[in-house]
Protein backbone atom coordinates (compact mmCIF):
# COMPACT_ATOMS: atom_id res chain seq x y z
CA MET A 1 19.39 -1.02 -6.82
CA LYS A 2 20.27 1.86 -4.51
CA ILE A 3 17.38 3.53 -2.65
CA PHE A 4 17.63 6.31 -0.05
CA GLY A 5 21.14 6.81 -1.41
CA VAL A 6 22.36 3.75 0.50
CA ASP A 7 24.62 1.08 -0.97
CA ALA A 8 23.18 -2.29 -0.07
CA ARG A 9 23.71 -5.80 -1.35
CA LYS A 10 20.59 -7.85 -1.89
CA GLU A 11 21.90 -10.89 -0.03
CA ASN A 12 22.72 -8.78 3.04
CA SER A 13 19.54 -6.67 3.06
CA LYS A 14 16.71 -7.31 5.51
CA ILE A 15 14.13 -5.50 3.35
CA ILE A 16 13.63 -6.12 -0.35
CA LEU A 17 11.46 -3.57 -2.15
CA LEU A 18 9.62 -4.70 -5.27
CA PRO A 19 8.72 -2.09 -7.90
CA VAL A 20 5.37 -2.95 -9.53
CA PRO A 21 4.80 -0.29 -12.24
CA TRP A 22 1.28 -1.46 -13.10
CA GLU A 23 -1.69 0.89 -13.58
CA VAL A 24 -3.85 -0.72 -16.24
CA THR A 25 -6.96 -0.74 -14.02
CA THR A 26 -6.85 2.94 -13.03
CA SER A 27 -10.25 4.60 -13.42
CA TYR A 28 -9.53 8.34 -13.16
CA GLY A 29 -6.09 9.96 -13.13
CA GLY A 30 -3.00 8.15 -14.38
CA GLY A 31 0.73 8.14 -13.76
CA THR A 32 0.98 5.64 -10.89
CA SER A 33 3.16 3.29 -12.95
CA PHE A 34 5.93 5.88 -12.49
CA GLY A 35 5.55 5.62 -8.70
CA PRO A 36 8.60 3.41 -8.07
CA GLU A 37 10.78 5.61 -10.27
CA ILE A 38 9.80 8.99 -8.79
CA ILE A 39 9.85 7.69 -5.20
CA ASN A 40 13.34 6.29 -5.70
CA LYS A 41 14.52 9.61 -7.14
CA ALA A 42 13.04 11.56 -4.22
CA SER A 43 14.46 9.07 -1.70
CA GLN A 44 18.01 10.11 -2.51
CA GLN A 45 17.65 13.28 -0.42
CA VAL A 46 15.90 11.77 2.62
CA ASP A 47 17.99 12.13 5.78
CA LEU A 48 18.75 8.68 7.17
CA PHE A 49 17.52 9.16 10.72
CA ASP A 50 13.99 8.96 12.08
CA ASN A 51 12.98 10.38 15.43
CA HIS A 52 10.91 7.28 16.23
CA PHE A 53 12.87 4.50 14.57
CA GLY A 54 16.41 5.88 14.78
CA SER A 55 19.09 4.77 12.30
CA PHE A 56 18.22 1.52 10.56
CA THR A 57 19.51 1.57 6.99
CA ASP A 58 22.57 -0.42 8.06
CA GLN A 59 20.28 -3.46 8.15
CA GLY A 60 19.96 -3.17 4.40
CA ILE A 61 17.15 -1.93 2.15
CA PHE A 62 17.42 -3.13 -1.44
CA LEU A 63 15.29 -2.06 -4.40
CA GLU A 64 14.80 -4.94 -6.81
CA GLU A 65 15.26 -4.40 -10.52
CA ASP A 66 12.15 -4.61 -12.71
CA PHE A 67 11.02 -8.24 -12.79
CA GLY A 68 8.33 -10.20 -14.59
CA ASN A 69 8.25 -7.74 -17.50
CA ILE A 70 5.61 -5.75 -15.58
CA ALA A 71 6.58 -2.41 -17.10
CA GLU A 72 6.29 -3.90 -20.58
CA LEU A 73 2.93 -5.48 -19.78
CA ASN A 74 1.70 -2.13 -18.47
CA LEU A 75 2.67 -0.38 -21.71
CA GLU A 76 1.01 -3.11 -23.76
CA PHE A 77 -2.30 -3.32 -21.94
CA LYS A 78 -2.95 0.21 -20.63
CA PRO A 79 -4.05 1.48 -24.10
CA LEU A 80 -6.59 -1.38 -24.22
CA ALA A 81 -8.16 -0.62 -20.84
CA ARG A 82 -11.07 1.42 -22.23
CA ASP A 83 -12.02 -1.16 -24.83
CA PRO A 84 -14.75 -3.47 -23.39
CA LYS A 85 -13.66 -6.17 -25.83
CA SER A 86 -10.26 -6.32 -24.11
CA ILE A 87 -11.49 -7.03 -20.58
CA THR A 88 -10.66 -10.74 -20.76
CA LYS A 89 -7.13 -10.01 -21.98
CA ILE A 90 -6.57 -7.42 -19.26
CA ASN A 91 -7.84 -9.77 -16.54
CA ALA A 92 -5.39 -12.40 -17.81
CA ALA A 93 -2.55 -9.86 -17.79
CA SER A 94 -3.46 -8.84 -14.22
CA SER A 95 -3.29 -12.48 -13.18
CA LYS A 96 0.15 -12.73 -14.77
CA VAL A 97 1.34 -9.69 -12.80
CA ASN A 98 -0.15 -11.11 -9.58
CA GLU A 99 1.68 -14.40 -10.08
CA ALA A 100 5.01 -12.68 -10.76
CA VAL A 101 4.66 -10.62 -7.56
CA ARG A 102 3.50 -13.66 -5.57
CA LEU A 103 6.48 -15.76 -6.62
CA LYS A 104 8.97 -12.97 -5.93
CA THR A 105 7.44 -12.18 -2.53
CA SER A 106 7.37 -15.86 -1.58
CA GLU A 107 11.07 -16.11 -2.43
CA ILE A 108 11.81 -13.10 -0.22
CA LEU A 109 9.79 -14.42 2.73
CA LYS A 110 11.38 -17.87 2.53
CA SER A 111 14.81 -16.24 2.75
CA GLY A 112 13.82 -14.63 6.06
CA LYS A 113 13.53 -11.11 4.65
CA ILE A 114 10.71 -8.54 4.63
CA CYS A 115 8.98 -7.61 1.37
CA GLY A 116 7.71 -4.15 0.54
CA VAL A 117 5.84 -3.39 -2.69
CA ILE A 118 5.99 -0.01 -4.42
CA GLY A 119 3.07 0.48 -6.82
CA GLY A 120 1.59 1.16 -9.25
CA ASP A 121 -2.12 1.34 -8.67
CA HIS A 122 -3.57 -0.39 -5.64
CA SER A 123 -4.08 -3.67 -7.47
CA ALA A 124 -0.27 -4.03 -7.57
CA PRO A 125 0.30 -5.74 -4.17
CA PHE A 126 -2.31 -8.52 -4.47
CA GLY A 127 0.34 -11.12 -5.35
CA ALA A 128 2.38 -10.05 -2.32
CA LEU A 129 -0.66 -10.46 -0.09
CA GLN A 130 -1.18 -13.94 -1.54
CA ALA A 131 2.38 -14.86 -0.59
CA VAL A 132 2.06 -13.39 2.91
CA ALA A 133 -1.21 -15.29 3.49
CA GLU A 134 0.46 -18.52 2.38
CA HIS A 135 3.66 -17.96 4.36
CA PHE A 136 1.92 -17.05 7.63
CA LYS A 137 -0.95 -19.51 7.08
CA GLY A 138 -3.52 -16.74 7.55
CA ASP A 139 -2.10 -15.63 10.90
CA PHE A 140 -1.95 -11.92 10.09
CA GLY A 141 -4.13 -8.86 9.67
CA ILE A 142 -4.11 -6.03 7.15
CA LEU A 143 -3.93 -2.40 8.23
CA HIS A 144 -5.33 -0.51 5.25
CA PHE A 145 -4.84 3.27 4.94
CA ASP A 146 -6.94 4.66 2.09
CA ALA A 147 -9.57 7.17 1.01
CA HIS A 148 -11.44 4.29 -0.64
CA ALA A 149 -12.77 1.00 0.73
CA ASP A 150 -11.58 -0.98 -2.35
CA LEU A 151 -14.28 -3.56 -1.63
CA ARG A 152 -16.12 -3.65 -4.96
CA GLU A 153 -16.62 -7.11 -6.39
CA SER A 154 -15.11 -5.82 -9.61
CA TYR A 155 -14.89 -2.43 -11.26
CA GLN A 156 -15.41 -1.60 -14.94
CA GLY A 157 -15.14 -5.33 -15.62
CA PHE A 158 -11.65 -5.65 -14.16
CA GLU A 159 -11.41 -8.71 -11.91
CA PHE A 160 -8.27 -7.37 -10.20
CA SER A 161 -9.12 -3.67 -10.15
CA HIS A 162 -7.49 -1.21 -7.78
CA ALA A 163 -11.05 -0.67 -6.51
CA SER A 164 -11.55 -4.34 -5.62
CA ILE A 165 -8.27 -5.47 -4.06
CA MET A 166 -9.66 -5.76 -0.52
CA ASN A 167 -12.73 -7.62 -1.79
CA ASN A 168 -10.34 -10.09 -3.43
CA VAL A 169 -8.33 -10.31 -0.23
CA ILE A 170 -11.39 -11.19 1.88
CA ASN A 171 -12.87 -13.63 -0.64
CA ARG A 172 -9.70 -15.34 -1.88
CA LEU A 173 -7.19 -15.27 0.99
CA SER A 174 -6.99 -16.44 4.58
CA LEU A 175 -6.36 -13.73 7.18
CA THR A 176 -7.44 -12.70 10.66
CA LYS A 177 -8.72 -9.16 10.13
CA LEU A 178 -8.89 -6.26 7.69
CA VAL A 179 -8.80 -2.90 9.49
CA GLN A 180 -9.39 0.14 7.31
CA VAL A 181 -8.48 3.71 8.26
CA GLY A 182 -9.43 7.04 6.66
CA ILE A 183 -12.13 5.67 4.34
CA ARG A 184 -14.30 8.46 2.94
CA ASP A 185 -15.28 7.51 -0.61
CA TYR A 186 -17.27 4.30 -1.11
CA CYS A 187 -20.44 2.97 -2.71
CA GLU A 188 -23.52 1.37 -1.16
CA GLU A 189 -22.31 -2.09 -2.23
CA GLU A 190 -19.12 -1.58 -0.22
CA LYS A 191 -21.03 -0.33 2.83
CA HIS A 192 -23.14 -3.49 2.76
CA PHE A 193 -19.99 -5.61 2.34
CA ILE A 194 -18.45 -4.07 5.45
CA GLU A 195 -21.64 -4.59 7.47
CA SER A 196 -22.03 -8.21 6.33
CA HIS A 197 -18.38 -9.07 7.12
CA ALA A 198 -18.26 -7.54 10.60
CA GLU A 199 -16.11 -10.36 12.01
CA THR A 200 -13.30 -9.86 9.50
CA VAL A 201 -13.65 -6.22 8.38
CA LYS A 202 -13.51 -3.18 10.65
CA THR A 203 -13.67 0.21 8.97
CA PHE A 204 -12.77 3.47 10.69
CA TYR A 205 -14.39 6.02 8.42
CA ASP A 206 -12.72 9.39 8.08
CA ASP A 207 -15.84 11.28 9.18
CA TYR A 208 -15.94 9.23 12.40
CA LEU A 209 -12.29 9.95 13.16
CA LYS A 210 -12.68 13.66 12.47
CA SER A 211 -15.94 14.04 14.38
CA GLU A 212 -14.44 12.34 17.42
CA GLN A 213 -11.44 14.67 17.27
CA LEU A 214 -13.70 17.71 16.92
CA LYS A 215 -15.55 16.57 20.04
CA GLY A 216 -12.23 16.49 21.89
CA LYS A 217 -11.10 12.88 21.68
CA PRO A 218 -7.31 12.70 21.41
CA TRP A 219 -5.76 11.15 18.30
CA ALA A 220 -3.80 8.85 20.61
CA SER A 221 -7.04 7.36 21.96
CA LEU A 222 -8.42 6.85 18.45
CA VAL A 223 -5.20 5.16 17.34
CA ASP A 224 -5.31 2.82 20.32
CA GLU A 225 -8.93 2.00 19.47
CA ILE A 226 -7.89 1.09 15.92
CA ILE A 227 -4.84 -0.92 16.98
CA SER A 228 -6.96 -2.93 19.44
CA GLU A 229 -8.70 -4.47 16.40
CA LEU A 230 -5.42 -5.79 14.97
CA PRO A 231 -3.64 -9.09 15.60
CA LYS A 232 0.08 -9.38 16.39
CA ASN A 233 1.23 -9.84 12.77
CA ILE A 234 0.34 -6.94 10.48
CA TYR A 235 0.70 -6.23 6.79
CA ILE A 236 0.34 -2.49 6.04
CA SER A 237 -1.33 -1.57 2.76
CA PHE A 238 -0.85 2.17 2.27
CA ASP A 239 -2.67 3.99 -0.52
CA ILE A 240 -1.22 7.50 -0.59
CA ASP A 241 -4.69 9.01 -1.12
CA GLY A 242 -5.47 8.09 2.47
CA LEU A 243 -3.55 11.28 3.25
CA GLU A 244 -4.86 14.83 2.89
CA PRO A 245 -4.90 15.75 -0.84
CA SER A 246 -2.44 18.58 -0.17
CA LEU A 247 0.16 15.85 0.47
CA CYS A 248 -0.59 13.93 -2.74
CA PRO A 249 -2.23 16.32 -5.25
CA ASN A 250 -1.33 14.18 -8.28
CA THR A 251 -2.67 10.86 -7.00
CA GLY A 252 -5.23 9.28 -9.31
CA THR A 253 -8.36 9.66 -7.18
CA PRO A 254 -7.86 12.38 -4.54
CA VAL A 255 -10.66 12.89 -1.99
CA PRO A 256 -11.15 15.81 0.47
CA GLY A 257 -10.40 14.97 4.09
CA GLY A 258 -7.80 12.42 5.08
CA LEU A 259 -4.90 12.00 7.47
CA SER A 260 -2.04 14.38 8.12
CA PHE A 261 1.59 13.31 7.90
CA ASN A 262 2.01 13.78 11.64
CA GLU A 263 -1.04 11.64 12.38
CA ILE A 264 0.45 8.83 10.29
CA SER A 265 3.84 9.26 11.92
CA PHE A 266 2.25 8.98 15.37
CA PHE A 267 0.23 5.94 14.28
CA LEU A 268 3.25 4.05 12.97
CA ASN A 269 5.23 4.74 16.12
CA ARG A 270 2.28 3.55 18.22
CA LEU A 271 2.38 0.20 16.41
CA LEU A 272 5.97 -0.17 17.60
CA GLU A 273 5.00 0.77 21.18
CA LYS A 274 2.18 -1.79 21.10
CA ASN A 275 4.63 -4.55 20.09
CA LYS A 276 3.01 -5.30 16.76
CA LYS A 277 5.07 -7.08 14.11
CA ILE A 278 5.10 -5.83 10.52
CA VAL A 279 5.28 -8.82 8.16
CA GLY A 280 5.10 -6.83 4.92
CA PHE A 281 3.85 -3.60 3.42
CA ASP A 282 3.03 -1.72 0.26
CA LEU A 283 2.85 1.90 -0.82
CA CYS A 284 0.64 2.60 -3.82
CA GLU A 285 -0.90 5.35 -5.97
CA VAL A 286 2.01 7.81 -5.75
CA SER A 287 1.58 9.35 -9.18
CA LEU A 288 3.50 11.34 -11.72
CA GLY A 289 0.25 13.10 -12.61
CA GLU A 290 -0.89 14.38 -15.94
CA ASN A 291 1.71 17.17 -16.00
CA ARG A 292 5.07 15.44 -15.69
CA GLY A 293 7.35 17.37 -13.41
CA SER A 294 4.51 18.58 -11.17
CA SER A 295 4.70 15.52 -8.96
CA GLU A 296 7.90 16.25 -7.03
CA TRP A 297 5.88 16.93 -3.88
CA ASP A 298 3.95 13.65 -4.16
CA ALA A 299 7.22 11.73 -4.58
CA ASN A 300 8.81 13.62 -1.67
CA VAL A 301 5.95 12.68 0.67
CA GLY A 302 5.86 9.12 -0.70
CA ALA A 303 9.57 8.62 -0.11
CA ARG A 304 9.19 9.69 3.51
CA ILE A 305 6.20 7.42 4.10
CA LEU A 306 8.22 4.57 2.57
CA PHE A 307 11.18 5.39 4.82
CA LYS A 308 8.97 5.21 7.90
CA LEU A 309 7.40 1.93 6.77
CA CYS A 310 10.88 0.46 6.35
CA GLY A 311 11.97 1.72 9.76
CA LEU A 312 8.88 0.35 11.47
CA ALA A 313 9.22 -3.04 9.76
CA LEU A 314 12.87 -3.35 10.78
CA ARG A 315 12.31 -2.22 14.37
CA THR A 316 9.37 -4.61 14.88
CA ASN A 317 11.31 -7.58 13.54
């Protein structure tokens, strides 16, 4: 499918984007299953040049058609999500989605291409992370932008909840490091998890980043401090609520604080300057919101974040 208004053939495209319209485990606001659709629509008016990454769409960015019947599964199981008797069924459906995404991502990686996932809630990319961990034999780290730590063992009974994806990553996959940025909403269980996994998890809380800036520390120095924790190969997991809520007012679980668009733009460019290699990425939680039609701004911001992630991935490869 065409994204960013660019005609691209799948076989000639360096990046394959996978839409994963899955939001069965959402715990507050809804609408993230429309993320791939509204981002694609907004992408059609993005200018195809980036000040940091230049012109890169000629390398090919292809949006996959719906696969694995994920949209249908979402419609079937979302109404059951509040019924405690349906937890087992929903966990099984989540596993089915994970396997579909894993297989598709593995296929993309084996063909020498880069995979990007467009969610959906933040549980959507787990299958992609499984495939990346297998393909790179654990030789990669995750750079996680988010308002939430996503380190709960499970949430509301959901084994593959959006609130537990990084717990599943640490406990089920092989990787070098998880580096979290912008975290500002978490429970005591997650704080203890971070402290007890100090060798594999490094969390840069939002209040630390802001307090350091208020004391005069440049953002560039903070970014270099964060990047120093990362290995060469990086998978970026980007939950849109890591940004200031003014940039994503319709996301499911907005939290005061967060990163500005310019701070993210600087950060992504710094990864290029530091010779890091992006081996995959996802963008999640861009939501239609409760009032359909009010989410144009969220989609606009999401499309531009996605464009930058694509540019960074192509430039670093």
